Amino acid sequence: MKKIKMSSKNQIVIPAMVRERLKLRKGDLLTLYAVDDSHALLLKHPAPGGYAESLRGLGKDVWKKLGGADKYIKGERRSWDK
């Protein structure tokens, strides 16, 4: 993770590692969503196909860390019975 600083003109530079991973090129359109008071989500505008396709798989790493969606949901439901 690399820290970046906003300029006096409210501009930022997207680090090369992120540009490469997202395959960003000059002229690409991006959307920046404020998730909460300290998190934002940067999305590359999708090629024709729509936003749903560009968001596919967005949280799969989180679910893997939790042991899978089914396991997590079953655990949550068991906690309701306590």
N, C-alpha and C. Protein backbone atom coordinates (compact mmCIF):
# COMPACT_ATOMS: atom_id res chain seq x y z
N MET A 1 0.85 -1.16 0.00
CA MET A 1 0.00 0.00 0.00
C MET A 1 0.90 1.23 0.00
N LYS A 2 0.56 2.17 -0.86
CA LYS A 2 1.36 3.38 -0.95
C LYS A 2 0.48 4.57 -0.59
N LYS A 3 1.03 5.46 0.23
CA LYS A 3 0.30 6.67 0.60
C LYS A 3 0.45 7.69 -0.52
N ILE A 4 -0.63 8.43 -0.76
CA ILE A 4 -0.59 9.49 -1.75
C ILE A 4 -1.08 10.77 -1.09
N LYS A 5 -0.71 11.89 -1.65
CA LYS A 5 -1.06 13.18 -1.06
C LYS A 5 -1.88 13.99 -2.06
N MET A 6 -2.92 14.64 -1.57
CA MET A 6 -3.74 15.48 -2.42
C MET A 6 -3.04 16.83 -2.58
N SER A 7 -3.02 17.34 -3.80
CA SER A 7 -2.36 18.62 -4.08
C SER A 7 -3.25 19.78 -3.64
N SER A 8 -2.70 20.97 -3.73
CA SER A 8 -3.46 22.17 -3.38
C SER A 8 -4.65 22.38 -4.32
N LYS A 9 -4.61 21.72 -5.47
CA LYS A 9 -5.72 21.81 -6.44
C LYS A 9 -6.65 20.60 -6.32
N ASN A 10 -6.57 19.88 -5.20
CA ASN A 10 -7.40 18.71 -4.93
C ASN A 10 -7.19 17.59 -5.95
N GLN A 11 -5.97 17.41 -6.40
CA GLN A 11 -5.65 16.36 -7.35
C GLN A 11 -4.78 15.30 -6.67
N ILE A 12 -4.91 14.06 -7.16
CA ILE A 12 -4.07 12.97 -6.68
C ILE A 12 -3.46 12.26 -7.88
N VAL A 13 -2.37 11.56 -7.63
CA VAL A 13 -1.75 10.72 -8.66
C VAL A 13 -2.01 9.27 -8.26
N ILE A 14 -2.57 8.50 -9.16
CA ILE A 14 -2.82 7.09 -8.89
C ILE A 14 -1.49 6.36 -9.05
N PRO A 15 -1.04 5.65 -8.01
CA PRO A 15 0.26 4.96 -8.08
C PRO A 15 0.34 3.98 -9.25
N ALA A 16 1.54 3.82 -9.79
CA ALA A 16 1.77 2.96 -10.95
C ALA A 16 1.26 1.54 -10.70
N MET A 17 1.47 1.02 -9.50
CA MET A 17 1.03 -0.34 -9.18
C MET A 17 -0.49 -0.48 -9.39
N VAL A 18 -1.25 0.52 -8.98
CA VAL A 18 -2.71 0.50 -9.12
C VAL A 18 -3.09 0.67 -10.59
N ARG A 19 -2.43 1.61 -11.27
CA ARG A 19 -2.72 1.82 -12.70
C ARG A 19 -2.48 0.56 -13.51
N GLU A 20 -1.40 -0.14 -13.19
CA GLU A 20 -1.08 -1.37 -13.91
C GLU A 20 -2.10 -2.47 -13.62
N ARG A 21 -2.45 -2.62 -12.34
CA ARG A 21 -3.39 -3.66 -11.94
C ARG A 21 -4.78 -3.46 -12.56
N LEU A 22 -5.21 -2.19 -12.63
CA LEU A 22 -6.52 -1.88 -13.22
C LEU A 22 -6.44 -1.69 -14.73
N LYS A 23 -5.22 -1.76 -15.25
CA LYS A 23 -4.98 -1.56 -16.69
C LYS A 23 -5.53 -0.20 -17.14
N LEU A 24 -5.21 0.82 -16.36
CA LEU A 24 -5.66 2.17 -16.67
C LEU A 24 -4.80 2.78 -17.75
N ARG A 25 -5.44 3.49 -18.64
CA ARG A 25 -4.75 4.17 -19.73
C ARG A 25 -5.23 5.62 -19.79
N LYS A 26 -4.47 6.44 -20.45
CA LYS A 26 -4.83 7.83 -20.66
C LYS A 26 -6.23 7.91 -21.27
N GLY A 27 -7.07 8.74 -20.67
CA GLY A 27 -8.42 8.92 -21.20
C GLY A 27 -9.47 7.99 -20.61
N ASP A 28 -9.05 6.99 -19.80
CA ASP A 28 -10.03 6.10 -19.17
C ASP A 28 -10.92 6.90 -18.22
N LEU A 29 -12.18 6.50 -18.12
CA LEU A 29 -13.10 7.13 -17.19
C LEU A 29 -13.13 6.34 -15.90
N LEU A 30 -13.09 7.06 -14.77
CA LEU A 30 -13.10 6.42 -13.46
C LEU A 30 -14.24 7.01 -12.64
N THR A 31 -14.72 6.23 -11.68
CA THR A 31 -15.71 6.71 -10.73
C THR A 31 -15.16 6.48 -9.34
N LEU A 32 -15.31 7.47 -8.48
CA LEU A 32 -14.85 7.37 -7.11
C LEU A 32 -16.06 7.49 -6.19
N TYR A 33 -16.33 6.42 -5.43
CA TYR A 33 -17.46 6.39 -4.52
C TYR A 33 -16.96 6.52 -3.09
N ALA A 34 -17.59 7.39 -2.31
CA ALA A 34 -17.30 7.49 -0.88
C ALA A 34 -18.08 6.38 -0.19
N VAL A 35 -17.37 5.43 0.43
CA VAL A 35 -18.00 4.31 1.12
C VAL A 35 -18.44 4.73 2.52
N ASP A 36 -17.56 5.41 3.22
CA ASP A 36 -17.88 5.95 4.54
C ASP A 36 -16.94 7.14 4.78
N ASP A 37 -16.77 7.54 6.03
CA ASP A 37 -15.96 8.73 6.32
C ASP A 37 -14.47 8.57 6.07
N SER A 38 -13.99 7.33 5.90
CA SER A 38 -12.55 7.16 5.68
C SER A 38 -12.20 6.17 4.57
N HIS A 39 -13.20 5.73 3.80
CA HIS A 39 -12.93 4.78 2.72
C HIS A 39 -13.61 5.23 1.43
N ALA A 40 -12.93 4.98 0.33
CA ALA A 40 -13.48 5.28 -0.99
C ALA A 40 -13.19 4.11 -1.91
N LEU A 41 -13.98 3.98 -2.95
CA LEU A 41 -13.84 2.90 -3.90
C LEU A 41 -13.64 3.50 -5.28
N LEU A 42 -12.55 3.15 -5.94
CA LEU A 42 -12.24 3.65 -7.27
C LEU A 42 -12.60 2.58 -8.28
N LEU A 43 -13.45 2.93 -9.23
CA LEU A 43 -13.87 1.97 -10.25
C LEU A 43 -13.52 2.49 -11.63
N LYS A 44 -13.00 1.61 -12.44
CA LYS A 44 -12.77 1.93 -13.84
C LYS A 44 -14.11 1.74 -14.54
N HIS A 45 -14.51 2.69 -15.36
CA HIS A 45 -15.77 2.52 -16.08
C HIS A 45 -15.67 1.28 -16.96
N PRO A 46 -16.69 0.50 -16.93
CA PRO A 46 -16.64 -0.77 -17.65
C PRO A 46 -16.72 -0.60 -19.16
N ALA A 47 -16.18 -1.58 -19.82
CA ALA A 47 -16.38 -1.66 -21.26
C ALA A 47 -17.87 -1.96 -21.45
N PRO A 48 -18.37 -1.85 -22.65
CA PRO A 48 -19.79 -2.16 -22.84
C PRO A 48 -20.14 -3.49 -22.18
N GLY A 49 -21.18 -3.49 -21.39
CA GLY A 49 -21.56 -4.67 -20.63
C GLY A 49 -22.20 -4.26 -19.33
N GLY A 50 -21.93 -3.03 -18.90
CA GLY A 50 -22.62 -2.49 -17.75
C GLY A 50 -21.87 -2.59 -16.44
N TYR A 51 -22.45 -1.91 -15.45
CA TYR A 51 -21.85 -1.83 -14.14
C TYR A 51 -21.90 -3.16 -13.39
N ALA A 52 -22.98 -3.90 -13.56
CA ALA A 52 -23.10 -5.18 -12.84
C ALA A 52 -21.92 -6.09 -13.20
N GLU A 53 -21.57 -6.12 -14.45
CA GLU A 53 -20.45 -6.96 -14.89
C GLU A 53 -19.13 -6.46 -14.29
N SER A 54 -18.95 -5.15 -14.19
CA SER A 54 -17.70 -4.61 -13.65
C SER A 54 -17.58 -4.87 -12.15
N LEU A 55 -18.70 -5.08 -11.45
CA LEU A 55 -18.67 -5.32 -10.01
C LEU A 55 -18.62 -6.80 -9.66
N ARG A 56 -18.76 -7.67 -10.64
CA ARG A 56 -18.77 -9.11 -10.39
C ARG A 56 -17.50 -9.53 -9.66
N GLY A 57 -17.66 -10.25 -8.56
CA GLY A 57 -16.53 -10.78 -7.81
C GLY A 57 -15.87 -9.77 -6.89
N LEU A 58 -16.48 -8.60 -6.70
CA LEU A 58 -15.85 -7.53 -5.94
C LEU A 58 -15.49 -7.92 -4.51
N GLY A 59 -16.25 -8.77 -3.85
CA GLY A 59 -15.92 -9.11 -2.47
C GLY A 59 -15.50 -10.55 -2.26
N LYS A 60 -15.09 -11.24 -3.31
CA LYS A 60 -14.84 -12.67 -3.17
C LYS A 60 -13.69 -12.99 -2.21
N ASP A 61 -12.70 -12.12 -2.13
CA ASP A 61 -11.59 -12.36 -1.19
C ASP A 61 -12.07 -12.29 0.25
N VAL A 62 -13.00 -11.39 0.52
CA VAL A 62 -13.55 -11.27 1.87
C VAL A 62 -14.29 -12.56 2.24
N TRP A 63 -15.12 -13.06 1.33
CA TRP A 63 -15.87 -14.29 1.61
C TRP A 63 -14.94 -15.47 1.79
N LYS A 64 -13.85 -15.53 1.03
CA LYS A 64 -12.88 -16.62 1.20
C LYS A 64 -12.27 -16.59 2.59
N LYS A 65 -11.93 -15.40 3.08
CA LYS A 65 -11.35 -15.27 4.41
C LYS A 65 -12.32 -15.69 5.50
N LEU A 66 -13.62 -15.54 5.23
CA LEU A 66 -14.65 -15.91 6.20
C LEU A 66 -15.04 -17.38 6.08
N GLY A 67 -14.43 -18.11 5.16
CA GLY A 67 -14.73 -19.53 4.99
C GLY A 67 -15.85 -19.81 4.01
N GLY A 68 -16.25 -18.83 3.25
CA GLY A 68 -17.32 -19.00 2.28
C GLY A 68 -18.62 -18.41 2.80
N ALA A 69 -19.45 -17.97 1.88
CA ALA A 69 -20.70 -17.31 2.25
C ALA A 69 -21.62 -18.24 3.03
N ASP A 70 -21.76 -19.49 2.58
CA ASP A 70 -22.67 -20.43 3.25
C ASP A 70 -22.26 -20.65 4.70
N LYS A 71 -20.96 -20.89 4.92
CA LYS A 71 -20.47 -21.13 6.28
C LYS A 71 -20.70 -19.91 7.16
N TYR A 72 -20.43 -18.75 6.64
CA TYR A 72 -20.59 -17.52 7.41
C TYR A 72 -22.06 -17.30 7.78
N ILE A 73 -22.94 -17.44 6.82
CA ILE A 73 -24.37 -17.21 7.07
C ILE A 73 -24.91 -18.22 8.08
N LYS A 74 -24.51 -19.49 7.95
CA LYS A 74 -24.96 -20.50 8.92
C LYS A 74 -24.48 -20.16 10.32
N GLY A 75 -23.24 -19.69 10.45
CA GLY A 75 -22.69 -19.30 11.74
C GLY A 75 -23.45 -18.12 12.33
N GLU A 76 -23.79 -17.17 11.50
CA GLU A 76 -24.57 -16.01 11.98
C GLU A 76 -25.95 -16.45 12.47
N ARG A 77 -26.59 -17.33 11.73
CA ARG A 77 -27.91 -17.79 12.12
C ARG A 77 -27.85 -18.58 13.43
N ARG A 78 -26.79 -19.38 13.61
CA ARG A 78 -26.64 -20.11 14.88
C ARG A 78 -26.49 -19.14 16.04
N SER A 79 -25.81 -18.02 15.80
CA SER A 79 -25.62 -17.04 16.89
C SER A 79 -26.93 -16.40 17.32
N TRP A 80 -27.94 -16.41 16.48
CA TRP A 80 -29.25 -15.84 16.82
C TRP A 80 -29.94 -16.68 17.90
N ASP A 81 -29.64 -17.97 17.89
CA ASP A 81 -30.31 -18.87 18.83
C ASP A 81 -29.72 -18.80 20.24
N LYS A 82 -28.62 -18.12 20.42
CA LYS A 82 -27.97 -18.06 21.74
C LYS A 82 -28.65 -17.08 22.65
